[in-house]
C-alpha atoms as a PDB file:
ATOM      1  CA  MET A   1     -11.181 -48.159 104.903  1.00  0.00           C
ATOM      2  CA  LYS A   2     -11.433 -50.967 102.433  1.00  0.00           C
ATOM      3  CA  LEU A   3     -13.811 -50.981  99.480  1.00  0.00           C
ATOM      4  CA  GLN A   4     -15.822 -53.840 100.973  1.00  0.00           C
ATOM      5  CA  GLU A   5     -16.480 -51.810 104.120  1.00  0.00           C
ATOM      6  CA  LEU A   6     -17.663 -48.824 102.123  1.00  0.00           C
ATOM      7  CA  LEU A   7     -20.067 -50.963 100.124  1.00  0.00           C
ATOM      8  CA  LYS A   8     -21.565 -52.491 103.261  1.00  0.00           C
ATOM      9  CA  GLU A   9     -22.205 -49.091 104.856  1.00  0.00           C
ATOM     10  CA  LYS A  10     -23.996 -47.623 101.866  1.00  0.00           C
ATOM     11  CA  LYS A  11     -27.724 -48.266 101.840  1.00  0.00           C
ATOM     12  CA  PRO A  12     -29.577 -48.225  98.527  1.00  0.00           C
ATOM     13  CA  THR A  13     -31.968 -45.314  98.252  1.00  0.00           C
ATOM     14  CA  LYS A  14     -34.983 -45.350  96.020  1.00  0.00           C
ATOM     15  CA  SER A  15     -36.278 -41.908  96.864  1.00  0.00           C
ATOM     16  CA  LYS A  16     -37.450 -39.655  94.081  1.00  0.00           C
ATOM     17  CA  PHE A  17     -37.243 -35.907  94.102  1.00  0.00           C
ATOM     18  CA  THR A  18     -38.929 -33.235  92.058  1.00  0.00           C
ATOM     19  CA  LEU A  19     -37.062 -30.288  90.670  1.00  0.00           C
ATOM     20  CA  VAL A  20     -39.253 -27.260  90.087  1.00  0.00           C
ATOM     21  CA  ILE A  21     -37.917 -24.562  87.780  1.00  0.00           C
ATOM     22  CA  THR A  22     -39.514 -21.497  86.299  1.00  0.00           C
ATOM     23  CA  GLU A  23     -40.270 -21.093  82.617  1.00  0.00           C
ATOM     24  CA  THR A  24     -37.434 -18.572  82.330  1.00  0.00           C
ATOM     25  CA  GLN A  25     -34.980 -21.030  83.857  1.00  0.00           C
ATOM     26  CA  PHE A  26     -36.204 -23.781  81.529  1.00  0.00           C
ATOM     27  CA  LYS A  27     -35.786 -21.597  78.447  1.00  0.00           C
ATOM     28  CA  ALA A  28     -32.253 -20.661  79.546  1.00  0.00           C
ATOM     29  CA  LEU A  29     -31.440 -24.339  80.088  1.00  0.00           C
ATOM     30  CA  ALA A  30     -32.831 -25.298  76.672  1.00  0.00           C
ATOM     31  CA  LYS A  31     -30.849 -22.502  75.023  1.00  0.00           C
ATOM     32  CA  ASN A  32     -27.633 -23.656  76.728  1.00  0.00           C
ATOM     33  CA  VAL A  33     -28.261 -27.258  75.678  1.00  0.00           C
ATOM     34  CA  LEU A  34     -28.794 -26.232  72.057  1.00  0.00           C
ATOM     35  CA  ASN A  35     -25.636 -24.093  72.103  1.00  0.00           C
ATOM     36  CA  GLU A  36     -23.600 -27.006  73.477  1.00  0.00           C
ATOM     37  CA  GLN A  37     -25.042 -29.309  70.803  1.00  0.00           C
ATOM     38  CA  ASP A  38     -23.979 -26.840  68.104  1.00  0.00           C
ATOM     39  CA  LYS A  39     -20.441 -26.857  69.528  1.00  0.00           C
ATOM     40  CA  ASN A  40     -20.511 -30.691  69.589  1.00  0.00           C
ATOM     41  CA  THR A  41     -19.490 -30.690  73.248  1.00  0.00           C
ATOM     42  CA  ILE A  42     -22.497 -32.829  74.193  1.00  0.00           C
ATOM     43  CA  LYS A  43     -24.430 -35.515  72.352  1.00  0.00           C
ATOM     44  CA  ASN A  44     -27.920 -34.957  71.023  1.00  0.00           C
ATOM     45  CA  THR A  45     -30.404 -34.534  73.820  1.00  0.00           C
ATOM     46  CA  TYR A  46     -34.170 -34.736  73.665  1.00  0.00           C
ATOM     47  CA  LEU A  47     -36.134 -32.335  75.824  1.00  0.00           C
ATOM     48  CA  ILE A  48     -39.255 -34.235  76.866  1.00  0.00           C
ATOM     49  CA  LYS A  49     -42.343 -32.668  78.370  1.00  0.00           C
ATOM     50  CA  THR A  50     -44.215 -34.897  80.822  1.00  0.00           C
ATOM     51  CA  LYS A  51     -47.566 -34.324  82.431  1.00  0.00           C
END
């Protein structure tokens, strides 16, 4: 298959999805992010709370 054919077949999707996690999962994620920042393996990340 050529690249042009692949591009024609793919339809743009604008669907949103919601990821629901528990508070425990969120705290574990935040802890892992902070640990990775300390190791300089990832760039600074801002954890943003939205309503």
